C-alpha atoms as a PDB file:
ATOM      1  CA  UNK A   1     -11.953   7.595 -18.561  1.00  0.00           C
ATOM      2  CA  UNK A   2     -13.339   5.490 -15.711  1.00  0.00           C
ATOM      3  CA  UNK A   3     -16.322   6.955 -13.889  1.00  0.00           C
ATOM      4  CA  UNK A   4     -16.324   5.976 -10.228  1.00  0.00           C
ATOM      5  CA  UNK A   5     -18.483   6.356  -7.171  1.00  0.00           C
ATOM      6  CA  UNK A   6     -17.198   6.496  -3.596  1.00  0.00           C
ATOM      7  CA  UNK A   7     -19.075   5.319  -0.516  1.00  0.00           C
ATOM      8  CA  UNK A   8     -18.165   6.417   3.004  1.00  0.00           C
ATOM      9  CA  UNK A   9     -16.992   9.596   1.308  1.00  0.00           C
ATOM     10  CA  UNK A  10     -16.517  11.668   4.471  1.00  0.00           C
ATOM     11  CA  UNK A  11     -14.704   8.878   6.312  1.00  0.00           C
ATOM     12  CA  UNK A  12     -10.959   8.519   6.594  1.00  0.00           C
ATOM     13  CA  UNK A  13     -10.496   6.195   3.630  1.00  0.00           C
ATOM     14  CA  UNK A  14     -13.310   7.662   1.551  1.00  0.00           C
ATOM     15  CA  UNK A  15     -11.661  11.053   1.852  1.00  0.00           C
ATOM     16  CA  UNK A  16      -8.299   9.557   0.870  1.00  0.00           C
ATOM     17  CA  UNK A  17      -9.857   7.965  -2.213  1.00  0.00           C
ATOM     18  CA  UNK A  18     -11.474  11.245  -3.306  1.00  0.00           C
ATOM     19  CA  UNK A  19      -8.299  13.240  -2.709  1.00  0.00           C
ATOM     20  CA  UNK A  20      -6.180  10.718  -4.592  1.00  0.00           C
ATOM     21  CA  UNK A  21      -8.652  10.609  -7.475  1.00  0.00           C
ATOM     22  CA  UNK A  22      -8.165  14.335  -8.121  1.00  0.00           C
ATOM     23  CA  UNK A  23      -4.643  13.554  -9.368  1.00  0.00           C
ATOM     24  CA  UNK A  24      -5.711  10.728 -11.669  1.00  0.00           C
ATOM     25  CA  UNK A  25      -6.446  11.938 -15.195  1.00  0.00           C
ATOM     26  CA  UNK A  26      -8.052   8.615 -16.170  1.00  0.00           C
ATOM     27  CA  UNK A  27     -10.638   8.804 -13.372  1.00  0.00           C
ATOM     28  CA  UNK A  28     -13.774  10.899 -13.045  1.00  0.00           C
ATOM     29  CA  UNK A  29     -15.758  10.881  -9.785  1.00  0.00           C
ATOM     30  CA  UNK A  30     -19.476  10.858 -10.591  1.00  0.00           C
ATOM     31  CA  UNK A  31     -20.953   9.848  -7.237  1.00  0.00           C
ATOM     32  CA  UNK A  32     -19.939  10.320  -3.597  1.00  0.00           C
ATOM     33  CA  UNK A  33     -22.161   9.240  -0.717  1.00  0.00           C
ATOM     34  CA  UNK A  34     -22.081   8.928   3.041  1.00  0.00           C
ATOM     35  CA  UNK A  35     -24.754   7.976   5.530  1.00  0.00           C
ATOM     36  CA  UNK A  36     -26.561  11.087   6.719  1.00  0.00           C
ATOM     37  CA  UNK A  37     -24.561  13.420   4.481  1.00  0.00           C
ATOM     38  CA  UNK A  38     -26.174  16.779   3.886  1.00  0.00           C
ATOM     39  CA  UNK A  39     -24.289  18.878   1.387  1.00  0.00           C
ATOM     40  CA  UNK A  40     -20.747  18.240   2.614  1.00  0.00           C
ATOM     41  CA  UNK A  41     -17.909  18.602   0.135  1.00  0.00           C
ATOM     42  CA  UNK A  42     -14.768  16.479   0.083  1.00  0.00           C
ATOM     43  CA  UNK A  43     -11.915  17.209  -2.337  1.00  0.00           C
ATOM     44  CA  UNK A  44     -14.300  19.457  -4.261  1.00  0.00           C
ATOM     45  CA  UNK A  45     -16.902  16.703  -4.590  1.00  0.00           C
ATOM     46  CA  UNK A  46     -20.440  17.092  -3.297  1.00  0.00           C
ATOM     47  CA  UNK A  47     -21.442  14.261  -0.973  1.00  0.00           C
ATOM     48  CA  UNK A  48     -24.997  12.878  -0.973  1.00  0.00           C
ATOM     49  CA  UNK A  49     -26.841  10.735   1.535  1.00  0.00           C
ATOM     50  CA  UNK A  50     -26.027   7.054   1.035  1.00  0.00           C
ATOM     51  CA  UNK A  51     -29.748   6.304   0.960  1.00  0.00           C
ATOM     52  CA  UNK A  52     -29.787   7.985  -2.464  1.00  0.00           C
ATOM     53  CA  UNK A  53     -27.132   5.672  -3.948  1.00  0.00           C
ATOM     54  CA  UNK A  54     -29.525   3.597  -6.109  1.00  0.00           C
ATOM     55  CA  UNK A  55     -31.026   6.763  -7.603  1.00  0.00           C
ATOM     56  CA  UNK A  56     -27.630   8.337  -8.166  1.00  0.00           C
ATOM     57  CA  UNK A  57     -26.332   5.238  -9.947  1.00  0.00           C
ATOM     58  CA  UNK A  58     -29.406   5.248 -12.165  1.00  0.00           C
ATOM     59  CA  UNK A  59     -29.009   8.936 -13.054  1.00  0.00           C
ATOM     60  CA  UNK A  60     -25.221   9.193 -13.340  1.00  0.00           C
ATOM     61  CA  UNK A  61     -23.348   6.730 -15.578  1.00  0.00           C
ATOM     62  CA  UNK A  62     -20.845   5.022 -13.277  1.00  0.00           C
ATOM     63  CA  UNK A  63     -18.436   2.189 -14.030  1.00  0.00           C
ATOM     64  CA  UNK A  64     -17.270   1.164 -10.553  1.00  0.00           C
ATOM     65  CA  UNK A  65     -18.012   2.095  -6.942  1.00  0.00           C
ATOM     66  CA  UNK A  66     -15.106   2.105  -4.452  1.00  0.00           C
ATOM     67  CA  UNK A  67     -16.029   1.209  -0.893  1.00  0.00           C
ATOM     68  CA  UNK A  68     -14.270   1.443   2.478  1.00  0.00           C
ATOM     69  CA  UNK A  69     -17.080   1.378   5.023  1.00  0.00           C
ATOM     70  CA  UNK A  70     -18.265  -1.504   7.220  1.00  0.00           C
ATOM     71  CA  UNK A  71     -19.468  -5.045   6.524  1.00  0.00           C
ATOM     72  CA  UNK A  72     -23.208  -4.316   6.663  1.00  0.00           C
ATOM     73  CA  UNK A  73     -22.891  -1.169   4.570  1.00  0.00           C
ATOM     74  CA  UNK A  74     -20.615  -2.809   2.020  1.00  0.00           C
ATOM     75  CA  UNK A  75     -23.076  -5.662   1.502  1.00  0.00           C
ATOM     76  CA  UNK A  76     -25.877  -3.146   0.980  1.00  0.00           C
ATOM     77  CA  UNK A  77     -23.844  -1.053  -1.462  1.00  0.00           C
ATOM     78  CA  UNK A  78     -22.683  -4.137  -3.376  1.00  0.00           C
ATOM     79  CA  UNK A  79     -26.304  -5.196  -3.821  1.00  0.00           C
ATOM     80  CA  UNK A  80     -27.213  -1.707  -5.080  1.00  0.00           C
ATOM     81  CA  UNK A  81     -24.364  -1.885  -7.588  1.00  0.00           C
ATOM     82  CA  UNK A  82     -25.460  -5.346  -8.714  1.00  0.00           C
ATOM     83  CA  UNK A  83     -28.952  -3.981  -9.329  1.00  0.00           C
ATOM     84  CA  UNK A  84     -27.558  -1.008 -11.279  1.00  0.00           C
ATOM     85  CA  UNK A  85     -25.008  -3.015 -13.274  1.00  0.00           C
ATOM     86  CA  UNK A  86     -22.070  -1.180 -11.701  1.00  0.00           C
ATOM     87  CA  UNK A  87     -18.783  -2.821 -10.674  1.00  0.00           C
ATOM     88  CA  UNK A  88     -17.808  -2.814  -7.007  1.00  0.00           C
ATOM     89  CA  UNK A  89     -14.390  -2.568  -5.339  1.00  0.00           C
ATOM     90  CA  UNK A  90     -14.270  -2.927  -1.568  1.00  0.00           C
ATOM     91  CA  UNK A  91     -11.476  -2.834   0.978  1.00  0.00           C
ATOM     92  CA  UNK A  92     -13.893  -3.333   3.859  1.00  0.00           C
ATOM     93  CA  UNK A  93     -12.871  -6.070   6.301  1.00  0.00           C
ATOM     94  CA  UNK A  94     -14.643  -7.949   9.065  1.00  0.00           C
ATOM     95  CA  UNK A  95     -17.067  -9.960   6.906  1.00  0.00           C
ATOM     96  CA  UNK A  96     -18.412 -13.185   8.358  1.00  0.00           C
ATOM     97  CA  UNK A  97     -19.229 -16.203   6.178  1.00  0.00           C
ATOM     98  CA  UNK A  98     -22.688 -14.871   5.374  1.00  0.00           C
ATOM     99  CA  UNK A  99     -21.199 -11.532   4.369  1.00  0.00           C
ATOM    100  CA  UNK A 100     -18.778 -13.196   1.988  1.00  0.00           C
ATOM    101  CA  UNK A 101     -21.658 -15.174   0.502  1.00  0.00           C
ATOM    102  CA  UNK A 102     -23.597 -11.933  -0.032  1.00  0.00           C
ATOM    103  CA  UNK A 103     -20.658 -10.400  -1.902  1.00  0.00           C
ATOM    104  CA  UNK A 104     -20.338 -13.485  -4.066  1.00  0.00           C
ATOM    105  CA  UNK A 105     -24.040 -13.265  -4.874  1.00  0.00           C
ATOM    106  CA  UNK A 106     -23.569  -9.691  -6.108  1.00  0.00           C
ATOM    107  CA  UNK A 107     -20.531 -10.848  -8.111  1.00  0.00           C
ATOM    108  CA  UNK A 108     -22.814 -13.100 -10.141  1.00  0.00           C
ATOM    109  CA  UNK A 109     -24.254  -9.951 -11.742  1.00  0.00           C
ATOM    110  CA  UNK A 110     -21.329  -7.491 -11.824  1.00  0.00           C
ATOM    111  CA  UNK A 111     -17.545  -7.578 -11.524  1.00  0.00           C
ATOM    112  CA  UNK A 112     -16.635  -7.347  -7.825  1.00  0.00           C
ATOM    113  CA  UNK A 113     -13.180  -7.130  -6.278  1.00  0.00           C
ATOM    114  CA  UNK A 114     -12.542  -7.559  -2.563  1.00  0.00           C
ATOM    115  CA  UNK A 115      -9.148  -7.114  -0.936  1.00  0.00           C
ATOM    116  CA  UNK A 116      -8.083  -6.801   2.673  1.00  0.00           C
ATOM    117  CA  UNK A 117      -5.244  -4.534   1.564  1.00  0.00           C
ATOM    118  CA  UNK A 118      -4.575  -2.556  -1.631  1.00  0.00           C
ATOM    119  CA  UNK A 119      -0.839  -2.090  -1.063  1.00  0.00           C
ATOM    120  CA  UNK A 120       1.552  -3.503  -3.655  1.00  0.00           C
ATOM    121  CA  UNK A 121       4.078  -3.988  -0.859  1.00  0.00           C
ATOM    122  CA  UNK A 122       1.701  -6.143   1.183  1.00  0.00           C
ATOM    123  CA  UNK A 123       0.997  -8.266  -1.888  1.00  0.00           C
ATOM    124  CA  UNK A 124       4.755  -8.755  -2.404  1.00  0.00           C
ATOM    125  CA  UNK A 125       5.172  -9.553   1.300  1.00  0.00           C
ATOM    126  CA  UNK A 126       2.529 -12.250   1.067  1.00  0.00           C
ATOM    127  CA  UNK A 127       4.331 -13.828  -1.890  1.00  0.00           C
ATOM    128  CA  UNK A 128       7.653 -13.745  -0.010  1.00  0.00           C
ATOM    129  CA  UNK A 129       6.176 -15.227   3.162  1.00  0.00           C
ATOM    130  CA  UNK A 130       4.966 -18.223   1.185  1.00  0.00           C
ATOM    131  CA  UNK A 131       8.483 -19.008   0.006  1.00  0.00           C
ATOM    132  CA  UNK A 132      10.046 -18.388   3.430  1.00  0.00           C
ATOM    133  CA  UNK A 133       7.474 -20.598   5.139  1.00  0.00           C
ATOM    134  CA  UNK A 134       8.287 -23.490   2.801  1.00  0.00           C
ATOM    135  CA  UNK A 135      12.036 -23.052   3.313  1.00  0.00           C
ATOM    136  CA  UNK A 136      11.964 -22.554   7.096  1.00  0.00           C
ATOM    137  CA  UNK A 137       9.251 -25.090   7.801  1.00  0.00           C
ATOM    138  CA  UNK A 138      10.478 -25.861  11.341  1.00  0.00           C
ATOM    139  CA  UNK A 139      10.890 -22.249  12.511  1.00  0.00           C
ATOM    140  CA  UNK A 140       8.577 -20.610  15.037  1.00  0.00           C
ATOM    141  CA  UNK A 141       6.367 -17.858  13.606  1.00  0.00           C
ATOM    142  CA  UNK A 142       4.943 -14.794  15.342  1.00  0.00           C
ATOM    143  CA  UNK A 143       2.878 -11.942  13.875  1.00  0.00           C
ATOM    144  CA  UNK A 144       2.304  -8.450  15.254  1.00  0.00           C
ATOM    145  CA  UNK A 145       0.002  -5.902  13.639  1.00  0.00           C
ATOM    146  CA  UNK A 146      -0.538  -2.275  14.658  1.00  0.00           C
ATOM    147  CA  UNK A 147      -3.256   0.155  13.605  1.00  0.00           C
ATOM    148  CA  UNK A 148      -4.906   3.378  14.693  1.00  0.00           C
ATOM    149  CA  UNK A 149      -7.038   3.482  17.821  1.00  0.00           C
ATOM    150  CA  UNK A 150     -10.340   3.622  15.899  1.00  0.00           C
ATOM    151  CA  UNK A 151      -9.932   0.383  13.962  1.00  0.00           C
ATOM    152  CA  UNK A 152     -12.726  -2.008  14.896  1.00  0.00           C
ATOM    153  CA  UNK A 153     -11.721  -5.491  13.722  1.00  0.00           C
ATOM    154  CA  UNK A 154      -8.826  -7.355  15.307  1.00  0.00           C
ATOM    155  CA  UNK A 155      -6.683  -8.891  14.017  1.00  0.00           C
ATOM    156  CA  UNK A 156      -6.733  -6.830  10.846  1.00  0.00           C
ATOM    157  CA  UNK A 157      -8.013  -8.299   7.613  1.00  0.00           C
ATOM    158  CA  UNK A 158      -4.496  -7.983   6.227  1.00  0.00           C
ATOM    159  CA  UNK A 159      -3.067 -10.002   9.110  1.00  0.00           C
ATOM    160  CA  UNK A 160      -5.633 -12.743   8.513  1.00  0.00           C
ATOM    161  CA  UNK A 161      -4.797 -12.810   4.807  1.00  0.00           C
ATOM    162  CA  UNK A 162      -1.070 -13.142   5.544  1.00  0.00           C
ATOM    163  CA  UNK A 163      -1.762 -15.883   8.094  1.00  0.00           C
ATOM    164  CA  UNK A 164      -3.926 -17.768   5.598  1.00  0.00           C
ATOM    165  CA  UNK A 165      -1.079 -17.542   3.080  1.00  0.00           C
ATOM    166  CA  UNK A 166       1.345 -18.993   5.624  1.00  0.00           C
ATOM    167  CA  UNK A 167      -1.068 -21.861   6.260  1.00  0.00           C
ATOM    168  CA  UNK A 168      -1.376 -22.522   2.526  1.00  0.00           C
ATOM    169  CA  UNK A 169       2.398 -22.558   2.078  1.00  0.00           C
ATOM    170  CA  UNK A 170       2.931 -24.943   4.991  1.00  0.00           C
ATOM    171  CA  UNK A 171       0.246 -27.335   3.789  1.00  0.00           C
ATOM    172  CA  UNK A 172      -1.659 -27.222   7.056  1.00  0.00           C
ATOM    173  CA  UNK A 173      -3.466 -24.912   9.430  1.00  0.00           C
ATOM    174  CA  UNK A 174      -1.522 -23.446  12.352  1.00  0.00           C
ATOM    175  CA  UNK A 175      -3.076 -22.915  15.757  1.00  0.00           C
ATOM    176  CA  UNK A 176      -3.363 -19.155  16.248  1.00  0.00           C
ATOM    177  CA  UNK A 177      -2.667 -17.971  19.782  1.00  0.00           C
ATOM    178  CA  UNK A 178      -3.939 -14.441  20.314  1.00  0.00           C
ATOM    179  CA  UNK A 179      -1.665 -12.863  22.881  1.00  0.00           C
ATOM    180  CA  UNK A 180      -0.305 -14.729  25.888  1.00  0.00           C
ATOM    181  CA  UNK A 181      -0.831 -14.473  29.613  1.00  0.00           C
ATOM    182  CA  UNK A 182       0.167 -16.639  32.543  1.00  0.00           C
ATOM    183  CA  UNK A 183       1.660 -20.084  32.032  1.00  0.00           C
ATOM    184  CA  UNK A 184       1.624 -20.514  28.238  1.00  0.00           C
ATOM    185  CA  UNK A 185       4.608 -22.400  26.867  1.00  0.00           C
ATOM    186  CA  UNK A 186       4.748 -22.388  23.103  1.00  0.00           C
ATOM    187  CA  UNK A 187       3.126 -25.375  21.384  1.00  0.00           C
ATOM    188  CA  UNK A 188       4.246 -27.003  18.148  1.00  0.00           C
ATOM    189  CA  UNK A 189       2.415 -25.713  15.086  1.00  0.00           C
ATOM    190  CA  UNK A 190       1.424 -22.474  16.811  1.00  0.00           C
ATOM    191  CA  UNK A 191       1.527 -18.906  15.495  1.00  0.00           C
ATOM    192  CA  UNK A 192       1.387 -16.127  18.049  1.00  0.00           C
ATOM    193  CA  UNK A 193      -0.775 -13.204  16.879  1.00  0.00           C
ATOM    194  CA  UNK A 194      -0.461  -9.869  18.640  1.00  0.00           C
ATOM    195  CA  UNK A 195      -2.599  -6.775  18.069  1.00  0.00           C
ATOM    196  CA  UNK A 196      -1.809  -3.166  18.978  1.00  0.00           C
ATOM    197  CA  UNK A 197      -4.109  -0.146  18.608  1.00  0.00           C
ATOM    198  CA  UNK A 198      -2.697   3.328  19.159  1.00  0.00           C
ATOM    199  CA  UNK A 199      -2.850   6.886  17.870  1.00  0.00           C
ATOM    200  CA  UNK A 200      -3.229   7.409  14.147  1.00  0.00           C
ATOM    201  CA  UNK A 201      -0.967   4.602  12.908  1.00  0.00           C
ATOM    202  CA  UNK A 202      -1.895   3.789   9.302  1.00  0.00           C
ATOM    203  CA  UNK A 203      -0.928   0.149   9.419  1.00  0.00           C
ATOM    204  CA  UNK A 204       2.069  -1.978  10.278  1.00  0.00           C
ATOM    205  CA  UNK A 205       2.496  -5.744   9.971  1.00  0.00           C
ATOM    206  CA  UNK A 206       5.499  -7.704  11.205  1.00  0.00           C
ATOM    207  CA  UNK A 207       6.131 -11.420  10.748  1.00  0.00           C
ATOM    208  CA  UNK A 208       8.958 -13.047  12.696  1.00  0.00           C
ATOM    209  CA  UNK A 209      10.594 -16.410  11.970  1.00  0.00           C
ATOM    210  CA  UNK A 210      12.908 -17.814  14.648  1.00  0.00           C
ATOM    211  CA  UNK A 211      14.926 -21.021  14.796  1.00  0.00           C
ATOM    212  CA  UNK A 212      18.412 -22.460  14.275  1.00  0.00           C
ATOM    213  CA  UNK A 213      19.852 -19.671  16.492  1.00  0.00           C
ATOM    214  CA  UNK A 214      18.684 -16.967  14.060  1.00  0.00           C
ATOM    215  CA  UNK A 215      15.780 -14.582  13.592  1.00  0.00           C
ATOM    216  CA  UNK A 216      14.258 -13.191  10.382  1.00  0.00           C
ATOM    217  CA  UNK A 217      11.784 -10.323  10.590  1.00  0.00           C
ATOM    218  CA  UNK A 218       9.643  -9.010   7.727  1.00  0.00           C
ATOM    219  CA  UNK A 219       7.904  -5.671   8.235  1.00  0.00           C
ATOM    220  CA  UNK A 220       5.542  -3.612   6.118  1.00  0.00           C
ATOM    221  CA  UNK A 221       4.623  -0.098   7.202  1.00  0.00           C
ATOM    222  CA  UNK A 222       2.145   2.149   5.423  1.00  0.00           C
ATOM    223  CA  UNK A 223       3.270   5.775   5.606  1.00  0.00           C
ATOM    224  CA  UNK A 224       0.038   7.193   4.171  1.00  0.00           C
ATOM    225  CA  UNK A 225      -3.507   6.057   3.463  1.00  0.00           C
ATOM    226  CA  UNK A 226      -2.897   7.230  -0.097  1.00  0.00           C
ATOM    227  CA  UNK A 227      -1.137   3.887  -0.614  1.00  0.00           C
ATOM    228  CA  UNK A 228      -4.432   2.056  -0.152  1.00  0.00           C
ATOM    229  CA  UNK A 229      -6.491   4.669  -1.987  1.00  0.00           C
ATOM    230  CA  UNK A 230      -4.215   4.534  -5.026  1.00  0.00           C
ATOM    231  CA  UNK A 231      -4.361   0.739  -5.124  1.00  0.00           C
ATOM    232  CA  UNK A 232      -8.150   0.766  -4.865  1.00  0.00           C
ATOM    233  CA  UNK A 233      -8.356   3.211  -7.776  1.00  0.00           C
ATOM    234  CA  UNK A 234      -6.015   1.008  -9.817  1.00  0.00           C
ATOM    235  CA  UNK A 235      -8.368  -1.864  -9.063  1.00  0.00           C
ATOM    236  CA  UNK A 236     -11.404   0.198 -10.130  1.00  0.00           C
ATOM    237  CA  UNK A 237      -9.864   1.096 -13.491  1.00  0.00           C
ATOM    238  CA  UNK A 238      -8.925  -2.552 -14.058  1.00  0.00           C
ATOM    239  CA  UNK A 239     -12.303  -3.876 -12.947  1.00  0.00           C
ATOM    240  CA  UNK A 240     -14.249  -1.589 -15.280  1.00  0.00           C
ATOM    241  CA  UNK A 241     -13.178  -3.775 -18.203  1.00  0.00           C
ATOM    242  CA  UNK A 242     -14.068  -7.105 -16.587  1.00  0.00           C
ATOM    243  CA  UNK A 243     -17.041  -9.446 -16.822  1.00  0.00           C
ATOM    244  CA  UNK A 244     -19.149 -10.300 -13.774  1.00  0.00           C
ATOM    245  CA  UNK A 245     -17.235 -12.364 -11.248  1.00  0.00           C
ATOM    246  CA  UNK A 246     -15.323 -12.279  -7.966  1.00  0.00           C
ATOM    247  CA  UNK A 247     -11.785 -10.898  -8.339  1.00  0.00           C
ATOM    248  CA  UNK A 248      -8.682 -10.408  -6.182  1.00  0.00           C
ATOM    249  CA  UNK A 249      -6.136  -7.584  -6.057  1.00  0.00           C
ATOM    250  CA  UNK A 250      -3.335  -9.900  -7.139  1.00  0.00           C
ATOM    251  CA  UNK A 251      -5.017 -10.157 -10.534  1.00  0.00           C
ATOM    252  CA  UNK A 252      -4.719  -6.395 -10.935  1.00  0.00           C
ATOM    253  CA  UNK A 253      -0.972  -6.553 -10.286  1.00  0.00           C
ATOM    254  CA  UNK A 254      -0.318  -9.615 -12.459  1.00  0.00           C
END
């Protein structure tokens, strides 16, 4: 049995994690927190104020905390976990360089796993894009990502991860053109990146390769946030058995 905590418990992803955890026999939720929470219940779990997280971790044996909040909050929660000796899984995106450094500092004391996406399909897509990029090295590449109208960071963390993978596979960094307006002929070595925000769309990423009078399009669409919640819980169970260090989701799937 893996004892987990959940931050941002009343948020969209926190709720999905708690709901998904109720169907996992190998997982027990010991802690659920949210900023300003005052007795709310989510999926049968009482939610405490996030300010009480250090005390809760000290009083309730917890193996791993799962986090989908914001960069500042995630850094704070990771530090609290490092102090308590509790592993930390986060799917929060939007970290700057200092934020990444802060996570790595916490990972010196506890196992910490950060992923921009916990979908097995996205991981497989990233692997496939690497091979396609090497094979079709002279093709033009465009990326379009679509999310719900409340998502704050753009492009998505997943889009950035896929773009970084394309750069790695091509052996060089592409120039990323974010949208186009006016007189903007395409330049060599460019990737067009297009962002859409609308409704309650869970997440969709499309990568297009065009050249040699043909077009290849690769699309991943998340039908439910449970996809990400389930992957994060898989990561938590896996991480509970690991030594301190900074881990990636691909290691869970290996």
